[in-house]
PDB file of N, CA and C in Angstrom:
ATOM      1  N   UNK A   1     -13.063  20.561  38.079  1.00  0.00           N
ATOM      2  CA  UNK A   1     -13.625  19.875  36.940  1.00  0.00           C
ATOM      3  C   UNK A   1     -15.136  19.836  37.095  1.00  0.00           C
ATOM      4  N   UNK A   2     -15.830  20.095  36.018  1.00  0.00           N
ATOM      5  CA  UNK A   2     -17.288  20.082  36.021  1.00  0.00           C
ATOM      6  C   UNK A   2     -17.789  19.051  35.018  1.00  0.00           C
ATOM      7  N   UNK A   3     -18.752  18.240  35.466  1.00  0.00           N
ATOM      8  CA  UNK A   3     -19.315  17.186  34.625  1.00  0.00           C
ATOM      9  C   UNK A   3     -20.815  17.369  34.518  1.00  0.00           C
ATOM     10  N   UNK A   4     -21.350  17.091  33.339  1.00  0.00           N
ATOM     11  CA  UNK A   4     -22.786  17.214  33.065  1.00  0.00           C
ATOM     12  C   UNK A   4     -23.286  15.906  32.450  1.00  0.00           C
ATOM     13  N   UNK A   5     -23.591  14.908  33.282  1.00  0.00           N
ATOM     14  CA  UNK A   5     -24.031  13.618  32.737  1.00  0.00           C
ATOM     15  C   UNK A   5     -25.433  13.687  32.151  1.00  0.00           C
ATOM     16  N   UNK A   6     -25.680  12.798  31.210  1.00  0.00           N
ATOM     17  CA  UNK A   6     -27.045  12.633  30.703  1.00  0.00           C
ATOM     18  C   UNK A   6     -27.855  11.921  31.786  1.00  0.00           C
ATOM     19  N   UNK A   7     -29.168  11.879  31.606  1.00  0.00           N
ATOM     20  CA  UNK A   7     -30.012  11.204  32.584  1.00  0.00           C
ATOM     21  C   UNK A   7     -29.655   9.717  32.661  1.00  0.00           C
ATOM     22  N   UNK A   8     -29.394   9.098  31.519  1.00  0.00           N
ATOM     23  CA  UNK A   8     -29.022   7.671  31.494  1.00  0.00           C
ATOM     24  C   UNK A   8     -27.710   7.441  32.251  1.00  0.00           C
ATOM     25  N   UNK A   9     -26.729   8.304  32.034  1.00  0.00           N
ATOM     26  CA  UNK A   9     -25.448   8.176  32.756  1.00  0.00           C
ATOM     27  C   UNK A   9     -25.655   8.379  34.255  1.00  0.00           C
ATOM     28  N   UNK A  10     -26.495   9.336  34.608  1.00  0.00           N
ATOM     29  CA  UNK A  10     -26.709   9.695  36.009  1.00  0.00           C
ATOM     30  C   UNK A  10     -27.444   8.595  36.778  1.00  0.00           C
ATOM     31  N   UNK A  11     -28.289   7.809  36.099  1.00  0.00           N
ATOM     32  CA  UNK A  11     -29.040   6.744  36.764  1.00  0.00           C
ATOM     33  C   UNK A  11     -28.110   5.685  37.344  1.00  0.00           C
ATOM     34  N   UNK A  12     -26.972   5.426  36.685  1.00  0.00           N
ATOM     35  CA  UNK A  12     -25.983   4.478  37.216  1.00  0.00           C
ATOM     36  C   UNK A  12     -24.820   5.305  37.770  1.00  0.00           C
ATOM     37  N   UNK A  13     -25.062   5.900  38.945  1.00  0.00           N
ATOM     38  CA  UNK A  13     -24.123   6.868  39.505  1.00  0.00           C
ATOM     39  C   UNK A  13     -22.748   6.246  39.794  1.00  0.00           C
ATOM     40  N   UNK A  14     -22.717   5.005  40.280  1.00  0.00           N
ATOM     41  CA  UNK A  14     -21.436   4.350  40.573  1.00  0.00           C
ATOM     42  C   UNK A  14     -20.580   4.232  39.310  1.00  0.00           C
ATOM     43  N   UNK A  15     -21.201   3.867  38.213  1.00  0.00           N
ATOM     44  CA  UNK A  15     -20.468   3.776  36.948  1.00  0.00           C
ATOM     45  C   UNK A  15     -20.005   5.155  36.491  1.00  0.00           C
ATOM     46  N   UNK A  16     -20.837   6.171  36.733  1.00  0.00           N
ATOM     47  CA  UNK A  16     -20.452   7.527  36.330  1.00  0.00           C
ATOM     48  C   UNK A  16     -19.259   8.018  37.146  1.00  0.00           C
ATOM     49  N   UNK A  17     -19.226   7.667  38.417  1.00  0.00           N
ATOM     50  CA  UNK A  17     -18.074   8.028  39.262  1.00  0.00           C
ATOM     51  C   UNK A  17     -16.809   7.379  38.704  1.00  0.00           C
ATOM     52  N   UNK A  18     -16.897   6.114  38.314  1.00  0.00           N
ATOM     53  CA  UNK A  18     -15.731   5.447  37.710  1.00  0.00           C
ATOM     54  C   UNK A  18     -15.289   6.180  36.437  1.00  0.00           C
ATOM     55  N   UNK A  19     -16.267   6.638  35.661  1.00  0.00           N
ATOM     56  CA  UNK A  19     -15.955   7.373  34.438  1.00  0.00           C
ATOM     57  C   UNK A  19     -15.217   8.679  34.745  1.00  0.00           C
ATOM     58  N   UNK A  20     -15.738   9.476  35.691  1.00  0.00           N
ATOM     59  CA  UNK A  20     -15.079  10.755  35.955  1.00  0.00           C
ATOM     60  C   UNK A  20     -13.705  10.557  36.597  1.00  0.00           C
ATOM     61  N   UNK A  21     -13.544   9.457  37.351  1.00  0.00           N
ATOM     62  CA  UNK A  21     -12.213   9.149  37.883  1.00  0.00           C
ATOM     63  C   UNK A  21     -11.256   8.804  36.752  1.00  0.00           C
ATOM     64  N   UNK A  22     -11.757   8.147  35.712  1.00  0.00           N
ATOM     65  CA  UNK A  22     -10.897   7.830  34.562  1.00  0.00           C
ATOM     66  C   UNK A  22     -10.469   9.107  33.828  1.00  0.00           C
ATOM     67  N   UNK A  23     -11.234  10.181  34.021  1.00  0.00           N
ATOM     68  CA  UNK A  23     -10.905  11.482  33.431  1.00  0.00           C
ATOM     69  C   UNK A  23     -10.040  12.327  34.368  1.00  0.00           C
ATOM     70  N   UNK A  24      -9.676  11.772  35.554  1.00  0.00           N
ATOM     71  CA  UNK A  24      -8.789  12.474  36.479  1.00  0.00           C
ATOM     72  C   UNK A  24      -9.484  13.265  37.560  1.00  0.00           C
ATOM     73  N   UNK A  25     -10.790  13.103  37.728  1.00  0.00           N
ATOM     74  CA  UNK A  25     -11.518  13.869  38.747  1.00  0.00           C
ATOM     75  C   UNK A  25     -11.006  13.569  40.151  1.00  0.00           C
ATOM     76  N   UNK A  26     -10.610  12.336  40.405  1.00  0.00           N
ATOM     77  CA  UNK A  26     -10.128  11.974  41.735  1.00  0.00           C
ATOM     78  C   UNK A  26      -8.783  12.632  42.044  1.00  0.00           C
ATOM     79  N   UNK A  27      -8.075  13.118  41.055  1.00  0.00           N
ATOM     80  CA  UNK A  27      -6.790  13.781  41.262  1.00  0.00           C
ATOM     81  C   UNK A  27      -6.944  15.291  41.394  1.00  0.00           C
ATOM     82  N   UNK A  28      -8.111  15.809  41.012  1.00  0.00           N
ATOM     83  CA  UNK A  28      -8.335  17.256  41.013  1.00  0.00           C
ATOM     84  C   UNK A  28      -8.597  17.811  42.410  1.00  0.00           C
ATOM     85  N   UNK A  29      -9.008  16.969  43.340  1.00  0.00           N
ATOM     86  CA  UNK A  29      -9.322  17.436  44.680  1.00  0.00           C
ATOM     87  C   UNK A  29     -10.783  17.797  44.853  1.00  0.00           C
ATOM     88  N   UNK A  30     -11.427  18.212  43.760  1.00  0.00           N
ATOM     89  CA  UNK A  30     -12.828  18.590  43.812  1.00  0.00           C
ATOM     90  C   UNK A  30     -13.419  18.438  42.419  1.00  0.00           C
ATOM     91  N   UNK A  31     -14.601  17.880  42.357  1.00  0.00           N
ATOM     92  CA  UNK A  31     -15.291  17.760  41.071  1.00  0.00           C
ATOM     93  C   UNK A  31     -16.739  18.167  41.275  1.00  0.00           C
ATOM     94  N   UNK A  32     -17.285  18.836  40.298  1.00  0.00           N
ATOM     95  CA  UNK A  32     -18.680  19.271  40.353  1.00  0.00           C
ATOM     96  C   UNK A  32     -19.466  18.465  39.332  1.00  0.00           C
ATOM     97  N   UNK A  33     -20.546  17.830  39.795  1.00  0.00           N
ATOM     98  CA  UNK A  33     -21.417  17.072  38.908  1.00  0.00           C
ATOM     99  C   UNK A  33     -22.761  17.782  38.885  1.00  0.00           C
ATOM    100  N   UNK A  34     -23.149  18.272  37.731  1.00  0.00           N
ATOM    101  CA  UNK A  34     -24.430  18.962  37.572  1.00  0.00           C
ATOM    102  C   UNK A  34     -25.452  17.936  37.096  1.00  0.00           C
ATOM    103  N   UNK A  35     -26.460  17.645  37.921  1.00  0.00           N
ATOM    104  CA  UNK A  35     -27.447  16.638  37.530  1.00  0.00           C
ATOM    105  C   UNK A  35     -28.221  17.075  36.289  1.00  0.00           C
ATOM    106  N   UNK A  36     -28.674  16.111  35.505  1.00  0.00           N
ATOM    107  CA  UNK A  36     -29.480  16.450  34.323  1.00  0.00           C
ATOM    108  C   UNK A  36     -30.827  17.030  34.749  1.00  0.00           C
ATOM    109  N   UNK A  37     -31.460  17.811  33.882  1.00  0.00           N
ATOM    110  CA  UNK A  37     -32.739  18.449  34.234  1.00  0.00           C
ATOM    111  C   UNK A  37     -33.839  17.452  34.593  1.00  0.00           C
ATOM    112  N   UNK A  38     -33.780  16.234  34.050  1.00  0.00           N
ATOM    113  CA  UNK A  38     -34.823  15.225  34.325  1.00  0.00           C
ATOM    114  C   UNK A  38     -34.752  14.688  35.756  1.00  0.00           C
ATOM    115  N   UNK A  39     -33.596  14.807  36.404  1.00  0.00           N
ATOM    116  CA  UNK A  39     -33.405  14.261  37.741  1.00  0.00           C
ATOM    117  C   UNK A  39     -34.106  15.122  38.779  1.00  0.00           C
ATOM    118  N   UNK A  40     -34.803  14.473  39.693  1.00  0.00           N
ATOM    119  CA  UNK A  40     -35.480  15.178  40.785  1.00  0.00           C
ATOM    120  C   UNK A  40     -34.946  14.644  42.108  1.00  0.00           C
ATOM    121  N   UNK A  41     -34.544  15.531  43.033  1.00  0.00           N
ATOM    122  CA  UNK A  41     -34.034  15.062  44.320  1.00  0.00           C
ATOM    123  C   UNK A  41     -35.134  14.404  45.152  1.00  0.00           C
ATOM    124  N   UNK A  42     -34.703  13.573  46.062  1.00  0.00           N
ATOM    125  CA  UNK A  42     -35.633  12.892  46.963  1.00  0.00           C
ATOM    126  C   UNK A  42     -36.367  13.934  47.794  1.00  0.00           C
ATOM    127  N   UNK A  43     -37.674  13.899  47.793  1.00  0.00           N
ATOM    128  CA  UNK A  43     -38.463  14.901  48.514  1.00  0.00           C
ATOM    129  C   UNK A  43     -38.528  14.628  50.010  1.00  0.00           C
ATOM    130  N   UNK A  44     -38.461  13.372  50.393  1.00  0.00           N
ATOM    131  CA  UNK A  44     -38.624  13.029  51.804  1.00  0.00           C
ATOM    132  C   UNK A  44     -37.313  13.096  52.584  1.00  0.00           C
ATOM    133  N   UNK A  45     -36.194  13.331  51.918  1.00  0.00           N
ATOM    134  CA  UNK A  45     -34.916  13.375  52.627  1.00  0.00           C
ATOM    135  C   UNK A  45     -34.418  11.983  52.962  1.00  0.00           C
ATOM    136  N   UNK A  46     -33.532  11.906  53.929  1.00  0.00           N
ATOM    137  CA  UNK A  46     -32.925  10.639  54.315  1.00  0.00           C
ATOM    138  C   UNK A  46     -33.072  10.433  55.810  1.00  0.00           C
ATOM    139  N   UNK A  47     -33.329   9.213  56.212  1.00  0.00           N
ATOM    140  CA  UNK A  47     -33.360   8.874  57.636  1.00  0.00           C
ATOM    141  C   UNK A  47     -32.014   8.244  57.970  1.00  0.00           C
ATOM    142  N   UNK A  48     -31.163   9.003  58.635  1.00  0.00           N
ATOM    143  CA  UNK A  48     -29.801   8.555  58.952  1.00  0.00           C
ATOM    144  C   UNK A  48     -29.811   7.240  59.730  1.00  0.00           C
ATOM    145  N   UNK A  49     -30.815   7.049  60.583  1.00  0.00           N
ATOM    146  CA  UNK A  49     -30.879   5.819  61.384  1.00  0.00           C
ATOM    147  C   UNK A  49     -31.091   4.572  60.535  1.00  0.00           C
ATOM    148  N   UNK A  50     -31.601   4.749  59.317  1.00  0.00           N
ATOM    149  CA  UNK A  50     -31.852   3.603  58.439  1.00  0.00           C
ATOM    150  C   UNK A  50     -30.671   3.310  57.511  1.00  0.00           C
ATOM    151  N   UNK A  51     -29.638   4.145  57.552  1.00  0.00           N
ATOM    152  CA  UNK A  51     -28.488   3.957  56.665  1.00  0.00           C
ATOM    153  C   UNK A  51     -27.329   3.411  57.483  1.00  0.00           C
ATOM    154  N   UNK A  52     -26.954   2.178  57.214  1.00  0.00           N
ATOM    155  CA  UNK A  52     -25.851   1.543  57.920  1.00  0.00           C
ATOM    156  C   UNK A  52     -24.573   1.781  57.116  1.00  0.00           C
ATOM    157  N   UNK A  53     -23.873   2.856  57.451  1.00  0.00           N
ATOM    158  CA  UNK A  53     -22.695   3.229  56.672  1.00  0.00           C
ATOM    159  C   UNK A  53     -21.606   3.751  57.608  1.00  0.00           C
ATOM    160  N   UNK A  54     -20.377   3.363  57.308  1.00  0.00           N
ATOM    161  CA  UNK A  54     -19.225   3.867  58.050  1.00  0.00           C
ATOM    162  C   UNK A  54     -18.322   4.616  57.086  1.00  0.00           C
ATOM    163  N   UNK A  55     -17.866   5.780  57.503  1.00  0.00           N
ATOM    164  CA  UNK A  55     -16.899   6.544  56.720  1.00  0.00           C
ATOM    165  C   UNK A  55     -15.533   6.045  57.171  1.00  0.00           C
ATOM    166  N   UNK A  56     -14.807   5.308  56.315  1.00  0.00           N
ATOM    167  CA  UNK A  56     -13.584   4.641  56.749  1.00  0.00           C
ATOM    168  C   UNK A  56     -12.441   5.582  57.104  1.00  0.00           C
ATOM    169  N   UNK A  57     -12.312   6.691  56.404  1.00  0.00           N
ATOM    170  CA  UNK A  57     -11.179   7.587  56.653  1.00  0.00           C
ATOM    171  C   UNK A  57     -11.600   9.044  56.443  1.00  0.00           C
ATOM    172  N   UNK A  58     -12.413   9.593  57.376  1.00  0.00           N
ATOM    173  CA  UNK A  58     -12.805  10.990  57.214  1.00  0.00           C
ATOM    174  C   UNK A  58     -11.571  11.889  57.338  1.00  0.00           C
ATOM    175  N   UNK A  59     -11.638  13.058  56.722  1.00  0.00           N
ATOM    176  CA  UNK A  59     -10.508  13.972  56.778  1.00  0.00           C
ATOM    177  C   UNK A  59     -10.895  15.283  57.453  1.00  0.00           C
ATOM    178  N   UNK A  60      -9.907  15.924  58.022  1.00  0.00           N
ATOM    179  CA  UNK A  60     -10.041  17.268  58.568  1.00  0.00           C
ATOM    180  C   UNK A  60      -9.115  18.137  57.717  1.00  0.00           C
ATOM    181  N   UNK A  61      -9.648  19.211  57.161  1.00  0.00           N
ATOM    182  CA  UNK A  61      -8.829  20.085  56.328  1.00  0.00           C
ATOM    183  C   UNK A  61      -8.181  21.157  57.192  1.00  0.00           C
ATOM    184  N   UNK A  62      -6.868  21.262  57.113  1.00  0.00           N
ATOM    185  CA  UNK A  62      -6.110  22.258  57.858  1.00  0.00           C
ATOM    186  C   UNK A  62      -5.571  23.268  56.857  1.00  0.00           C
ATOM    187  N   UNK A  63      -5.895  24.539  57.074  1.00  0.00           N
ATOM    188  CA  UNK A  63      -5.494  25.602  56.154  1.00  0.00           C
ATOM    189  C   UNK A  63      -4.484  26.502  56.851  1.00  0.00           C
ATOM    190  N   UNK A  64      -3.399  26.830  56.149  1.00  0.00           N
ATOM    191  CA  UNK A  64      -2.416  27.772  56.682  1.00  0.00           C
ATOM    192  C   UNK A  64      -1.964  28.696  55.566  1.00  0.00           C
ATOM    193  N   UNK A  65      -1.389  29.824  55.940  1.00  0.00           N
ATOM    194  CA  UNK A  65      -0.909  30.787  54.953  1.00  0.00           C
ATOM    195  C   UNK A  65      -1.358  32.183  55.297  1.00  0.00           C
ATOM    196  N   UNK A  66      -1.026  33.125  54.422  1.00  0.00           N
ATOM    197  CA  UNK A  66      -1.432  34.513  54.643  1.00  0.00           C
ATOM    198  C   UNK A  66      -1.342  35.291  53.348  1.00  0.00           C
ATOM    199  N   UNK A  67      -1.971  36.451  53.331  1.00  0.00           N
ATOM    200  CA  UNK A  67      -1.922  37.397  52.220  1.00  0.00           C
ATOM    201  C   UNK A  67      -2.268  36.772  50.866  1.00  0.00           C
ATOM    202  N   UNK A  68      -3.290  35.950  50.846  1.00  0.00           N
ATOM    203  CA  UNK A  68      -3.764  35.381  49.593  1.00  0.00           C
ATOM    204  C   UNK A  68      -3.069  34.106  49.160  1.00  0.00           C
ATOM    205  N   UNK A  69      -2.059  33.669  49.885  1.00  0.00           N
ATOM    206  CA  UNK A  69      -1.371  32.417  49.550  1.00  0.00           C
ATOM    207  C   UNK A  69      -1.591  31.441  50.695  1.00  0.00           C
ATOM    208  N   UNK A  70      -2.382  30.394  50.410  1.00  0.00           N
ATOM    209  CA  UNK A  70      -2.764  29.446  51.441  1.00  0.00           C
ATOM    210  C   UNK A  70      -2.432  28.026  51.014  1.00  0.00           C
ATOM    211  N   UNK A  71      -2.194  27.188  52.011  1.00  0.00           N
ATOM    212  CA  UNK A  71      -1.948  25.768  51.778  1.00  0.00           C
ATOM    213  C   UNK A  71      -2.989  24.995  52.569  1.00  0.00           C
ATOM    214  N   UNK A  72      -3.542  23.973  51.963  1.00  0.00           N
ATOM    215  CA  UNK A  72      -4.543  23.150  52.620  1.00  0.00           C
ATOM    216  C   UNK A  72      -4.008  21.727  52.704  1.00  0.00           C
ATOM    217  N   UNK A  73      -4.062  21.149  53.902  1.00  0.00           N
ATOM    218  CA  UNK A  73      -3.578  19.790  54.139  1.00  0.00           C
ATOM    219  C   UNK A  73      -4.737  18.966  54.693  1.00  0.00           C
ATOM    220  N   UNK A  74      -4.898  17.745  54.210  1.00  0.00           N
ATOM    221  CA  UNK A  74      -5.925  16.838  54.720  1.00  0.00           C
ATOM    222  C   UNK A  74      -5.313  15.950  55.793  1.00  0.00           C
ATOM    223  N   UNK A  75      -5.927  15.937  56.974  1.00  0.00           N
ATOM    224  CA  UNK A  75      -5.484  15.083  58.073  1.00  0.00           C
ATOM    225  C   UNK A  75      -6.522  13.982  58.237  1.00  0.00           C
ATOM    226  N   UNK A  76      -6.102  12.729  58.123  1.00  0.00           N
ATOM    227  CA  UNK A  76      -7.016  11.602  58.221  1.00  0.00           C
ATOM    228  C   UNK A  76      -7.395  11.355  59.686  1.00  0.00           C
ATOM    229  N   UNK A  77      -8.677  11.142  59.922  1.00  0.00           N
ATOM    230  CA  UNK A  77      -9.207  10.880  61.263  1.00  0.00           C
ATOM    231  C   UNK A  77      -9.665   9.428  61.363  1.00  0.00           C
ATOM    232  N   UNK A  78     -10.035   9.028  62.591  1.00  0.00           N
ATOM    233  CA  UNK A  78     -10.544   7.665  62.796  1.00  0.00           C
ATOM    234  C   UNK A  78     -11.896   7.496  62.117  1.00  0.00           C
ATOM    235  N   UNK A  79     -12.217   6.263  61.748  1.00  0.00           N
ATOM    236  CA  UNK A  79     -13.494   5.995  61.081  1.00  0.00           C
ATOM    237  C   UNK A  79     -14.657   6.391  61.989  1.00  0.00           C
ATOM    238  N   UNK A  80     -15.772   6.722  61.354  1.00  0.00           N
ATOM    239  CA  UNK A  80     -16.966   7.085  62.115  1.00  0.00           C
ATOM    240  C   UNK A  80     -18.202   6.677  61.331  1.00  0.00           C
ATOM    241  N   UNK A  81     -19.283   6.489  62.064  1.00  0.00           N
ATOM    242  CA  UNK A  81     -20.541   6.140  61.415  1.00  0.00           C
ATOM    243  C   UNK A  81     -21.140   7.404  60.802  1.00  0.00           C
ATOM    244  N   UNK A  82     -22.111   7.201  59.947  1.00  0.00           N
ATOM    245  CA  UNK A  82     -22.797   8.331  59.331  1.00  0.00           C
ATOM    246  C   UNK A  82     -23.501   9.173  60.398  1.00  0.00           C
ATOM    247  N   UNK A  83     -24.053   8.522  61.396  1.00  0.00           N
ATOM    248  CA  UNK A  83     -24.724   9.240  62.489  1.00  0.00           C
ATOM    249  C   UNK A  83     -23.724  10.109  63.254  1.00  0.00           C
ATOM    250  N   UNK A  84     -22.539   9.564  63.558  1.00  0.00           N
ATOM    251  CA  UNK A  84     -21.509  10.347  64.256  1.00  0.00           C
ATOM    252  C   UNK A  84     -21.091  11.555  63.414  1.00  0.00           C
ATOM    253  N   UNK A  85     -20.953  11.340  62.105  1.00  0.00           N
ATOM    254  CA  UNK A  85     -20.582  12.442  61.219  1.00  0.00           C
ATOM    255  C   UNK A  85     -21.659  13.524  61.224  1.00  0.00           C
ATOM    256  N   UNK A  86     -22.921  13.112  61.159  1.00  0.00           N
ATOM    257  CA  UNK A  86     -24.030  14.069  61.173  1.00  0.00           C
ATOM    258  C   UNK A  86     -24.017  14.887  62.461  1.00  0.00           C
ATOM    259  N   UNK A  87     -23.818  14.219  63.591  1.00  0.00           N
ATOM    260  CA  UNK A  87     -23.776  14.925  64.874  1.00  0.00           C
ATOM    261  C   UNK A  87     -22.630  15.925  64.910  1.00  0.00           C
ATOM    262  N   UNK A  88     -21.480  15.538  64.400  1.00  0.00           N
ATOM    263  CA  UNK A  88     -20.335  16.444  64.352  1.00  0.00           C
ATOM    264  C   UNK A  88     -20.602  17.618  63.420  1.00  0.00           C
ATOM    265  N   UNK A  89     -21.152  17.335  62.245  1.00  0.00           N
ATOM    266  CA  UNK A  89     -21.422  18.387  61.264  1.00  0.00           C
ATOM    267  C   UNK A  89     -22.450  19.387  61.772  1.00  0.00           C
ATOM    268  N   UNK A  90     -23.378  18.931  62.598  1.00  0.00           N
ATOM    269  CA  UNK A  90     -24.422  19.813  63.120  1.00  0.00           C
ATOM    270  C   UNK A  90     -24.062  20.432  64.462  1.00  0.00           C
ATOM    271  N   UNK A  91     -22.864  20.128  64.973  1.00  0.00           N
ATOM    272  CA  UNK A  91     -22.456  20.678  66.265  1.00  0.00           C
ATOM    273  C   UNK A  91     -22.193  22.178  66.149  1.00  0.00           C
ATOM    274  N   UNK A  92     -22.200  22.859  67.277  1.00  0.00           N
ATOM    275  CA  UNK A  92     -22.007  24.310  67.301  1.00  0.00           C
ATOM    276  C   UNK A  92     -20.681  24.714  66.655  1.00  0.00           C
ATOM    277  N   UNK A  93     -19.673  23.891  66.813  1.00  0.00           N
ATOM    278  CA  UNK A  93     -18.339  24.195  66.268  1.00  0.00           C
ATOM    279  C   UNK A  93     -18.359  24.390  64.748  1.00  0.00           C
ATOM    280  N   UNK A  94     -19.219  23.655  64.054  1.00  0.00           N
ATOM    281  CA  UNK A  94     -19.239  23.691  62.594  1.00  0.00           C
ATOM    282  C   UNK A  94     -20.454  24.411  62.004  1.00  0.00           C
ATOM    283  N   UNK A  95     -21.185  25.151  62.812  1.00  0.00           N
ATOM    284  CA  UNK A  95     -22.346  25.880  62.315  1.00  0.00           C
ATOM    285  C   UNK A  95     -21.914  27.023  61.409  1.00  0.00           C
ATOM    286  N   UNK A  96     -22.669  27.252  60.349  1.00  0.00           N
ATOM    287  CA  UNK A  96     -22.438  28.396  59.473  1.00  0.00           C
ATOM    288  C   UNK A  96     -22.782  29.662  60.251  1.00  0.00           C
ATOM    289  N   UNK A  97     -21.926  30.675  60.200  1.00  0.00           N
ATOM    290  CA  UNK A  97     -22.259  31.922  60.913  1.00  0.00           C
ATOM    291  C   UNK A  97     -23.570  32.520  60.404  1.00  0.00           C
ATOM    292  N   UNK A  98     -24.259  33.228  61.270  1.00  0.00           N
ATOM    293  CA  UNK A  98     -25.484  33.903  60.849  1.00  0.00           C
ATOM    294  C   UNK A  98     -25.123  34.928  59.772  1.00  0.00           C
ATOM    295  N   UNK A  99     -25.953  34.985  58.711  1.00  0.00           N
ATOM    296  CA  UNK A  99     -25.664  35.885  57.606  1.00  0.00           C
ATOM    297  C   UNK A  99     -26.959  36.292  56.910  1.00  0.00           C
ATOM    298  N   UNK A 100     -26.906  37.422  56.212  1.00  0.00           N
ATOM    299  CA  UNK A 100     -28.077  37.945  55.493  1.00  0.00           C
ATOM    300  C   UNK A 100     -28.199  37.333  54.106  1.00  0.00           C
ATOM    301  N   UNK A 101     -27.062  37.200  53.429  1.00  0.00           N
ATOM    302  CA  UNK A 101     -27.028  36.637  52.084  1.00  0.00           C
ATOM    303  C   UNK A 101     -25.626  36.059  51.859  1.00  0.00           C
ATOM    304  N   UNK A 102     -25.386  35.511  50.684  1.00  0.00           N
ATOM    305  CA  UNK A 102     -24.092  34.866  50.438  1.00  0.00           C
ATOM    306  C   UNK A 102     -22.942  35.863  50.375  1.00  0.00           C
ATOM    307  N   UNK A 103     -23.209  37.096  49.951  1.00  0.00           N
ATOM    308  CA  UNK A 103     -22.156  38.119  49.964  1.00  0.00           C
ATOM    309  C   UNK A 103     -21.729  38.427  51.395  1.00  0.00           C
ATOM    310  N   UNK A 104     -22.705  38.519  52.297  1.00  0.00           N
ATOM    311  CA  UNK A 104     -22.409  38.758  53.710  1.00  0.00           C
ATOM    312  C   UNK A 104     -21.615  37.588  54.280  1.00  0.00           C
ATOM    313  N   UNK A 105     -22.011  36.359  53.935  1.00  0.00           N
ATOM    314  CA  UNK A 105     -21.293  35.177  54.415  1.00  0.00           C
ATOM    315  C   UNK A 105     -19.859  35.169  53.898  1.00  0.00           C
ATOM    316  N   UNK A 106     -19.655  35.524  52.631  1.00  0.00           N
ATOM    317  CA  UNK A 106     -18.299  35.552  52.077  1.00  0.00           C
ATOM    318  C   UNK A 106     -17.444  36.607  52.781  1.00  0.00           C
ATOM    319  N   UNK A 107     -18.003  37.782  53.054  1.00  0.00           N
ATOM    320  CA  UNK A 107     -17.252  38.814  53.784  1.00  0.00           C
ATOM    321  C   UNK A 107     -16.830  38.297  55.153  1.00  0.00           C
ATOM    322  N   UNK A 108     -17.743  37.622  55.833  1.00  0.00           N
ATOM    323  CA  UNK A 108     -17.418  37.066  57.154  1.00  0.00           C
ATOM    324  C   UNK A 108     -16.321  36.011  57.044  1.00  0.00           C
ATOM    325  N   UNK A 109     -16.365  35.202  55.992  1.00  0.00           N
ATOM    326  CA  UNK A 109     -15.341  34.169  55.787  1.00  0.00           C
ATOM    327  C   UNK A 109     -13.954  34.808  55.663  1.00  0.00           C
ATOM    328  N   UNK A 110     -13.809  35.792  54.771  1.00  0.00           N
ATOM    329  CA  UNK A 110     -12.505  36.389  54.545  1.00  0.00           C
ATOM    330  C   UNK A 110     -12.034  37.168  55.767  1.00  0.00           C
ATOM    331  N   UNK A 111     -12.961  37.752  56.506  1.00  0.00           N
ATOM    332  CA  UNK A 111     -12.591  38.480  57.713  1.00  0.00           C
ATOM    333  C   UNK A 111     -12.135  37.513  58.814  1.00  0.00           C
ATOM    334  N   UNK A 112     -12.755  36.340  58.878  1.00  0.00           N
ATOM    335  CA  UNK A 112     -12.465  35.359  59.919  1.00  0.00           C
ATOM    336  C   UNK A 112     -11.255  34.482  59.593  1.00  0.00           C
ATOM    337  N   UNK A 113     -10.826  34.419  58.342  1.00  0.00           N
ATOM    338  CA  UNK A 113      -9.782  33.484  57.926  1.00  0.00           C
ATOM    339  C   UNK A 113      -8.503  33.582  58.754  1.00  0.00           C
ATOM    340  N   UNK A 114      -7.937  34.766  59.027  1.00  0.00           N
ATOM    341  CA  UNK A 114      -6.720  34.808  59.857  1.00  0.00           C
ATOM    342  C   UNK A 114      -6.940  34.215  61.242  1.00  0.00           C
ATOM    343  N   UNK A 115      -8.099  34.469  61.859  1.00  0.00           N
ATOM    344  CA  UNK A 115      -8.412  33.909  63.169  1.00  0.00           C
ATOM    345  C   UNK A 115      -8.558  32.395  63.081  1.00  0.00           C
ATOM    346  N   UNK A 116      -9.230  31.937  62.042  1.00  0.00           N
ATOM    347  CA  UNK A 116      -9.429  30.501  61.835  1.00  0.00           C
ATOM    348  C   UNK A 116      -8.090  29.789  61.662  1.00  0.00           C
ATOM    349  N   UNK A 117      -7.179  30.411  60.917  1.00  0.00           N
ATOM    350  CA  UNK A 117      -5.860  29.823  60.685  1.00  0.00           C
ATOM    351  C   UNK A 117      -5.120  29.650  61.993  1.00  0.00           C
ATOM    352  N   UNK A 118      -5.143  30.661  62.872  1.00  0.00           N
ATOM    353  CA  UNK A 118      -4.474  30.567  64.169  1.00  0.00           C
ATOM    354  C   UNK A 118      -5.095  29.463  65.022  1.00  0.00           C
ATOM    355  N   UNK A 119      -6.440  29.363  64.989  1.00  0.00           N
ATOM    356  CA  UNK A 119      -7.128  28.322  65.732  1.00  0.00           C
ATOM    357  C   UNK A 119      -6.698  26.945  65.259  1.00  0.00           C
ATOM    358  N   UNK A 120      -6.630  26.739  63.939  1.00  0.00           N
ATOM    359  CA  UNK A 120      -6.268  25.444  63.391  1.00  0.00           C
ATOM    360  C   UNK A 120      -4.823  25.074  63.725  1.00  0.00           C
ATOM    361  N   UNK A 121      -3.951  26.053  63.763  1.00  0.00           N
ATOM    362  CA  UNK A 121      -2.553  25.768  64.089  1.00  0.00           C
ATOM    363  C   UNK A 121      -2.406  25.343  65.542  1.00  0.00           C
ATOM    364  N   UNK A 122      -3.282  25.807  66.413  1.00  0.00           N
ATOM    365  CA  UNK A 122      -3.210  25.465  67.837  1.00  0.00           C
ATOM    366  C   UNK A 122      -3.818  24.102  68.137  1.00  0.00           C
ATOM    367  N   UNK A 123      -4.777  23.654  67.325  1.00  0.00           N
ATOM    368  CA  UNK A 123      -5.452  22.385  67.623  1.00  0.00           C
ATOM    369  C   UNK A 123      -4.773  21.215  66.966  1.00  0.00           C
TER     370      UNK A 123
END
């Protein structure tokens, strides 16, 4: 599902999330929100140490299948702080493979998928 809020709708993001959930976005598994042209991202970024937030139920996605037919299952993990999540996301295990462009990255993804599936089944 793809949503294109107006600038006014986007300013109250929590209310907009409630709106898209009322449209079934929370049941779709994935929703894309395209910010309005007037919106500008934060230039200075975020200081993780200043954000006191806990992710109550992070998930690990487990993918299985073969020959173009795959199943994805979400496994709930223990809660973690935003800092712990950042450290995990930036760890060597989750680094994006080196690539020249997005086509090269996609080729590597499809080539690696059978190996990744075997790894996930073992862990």
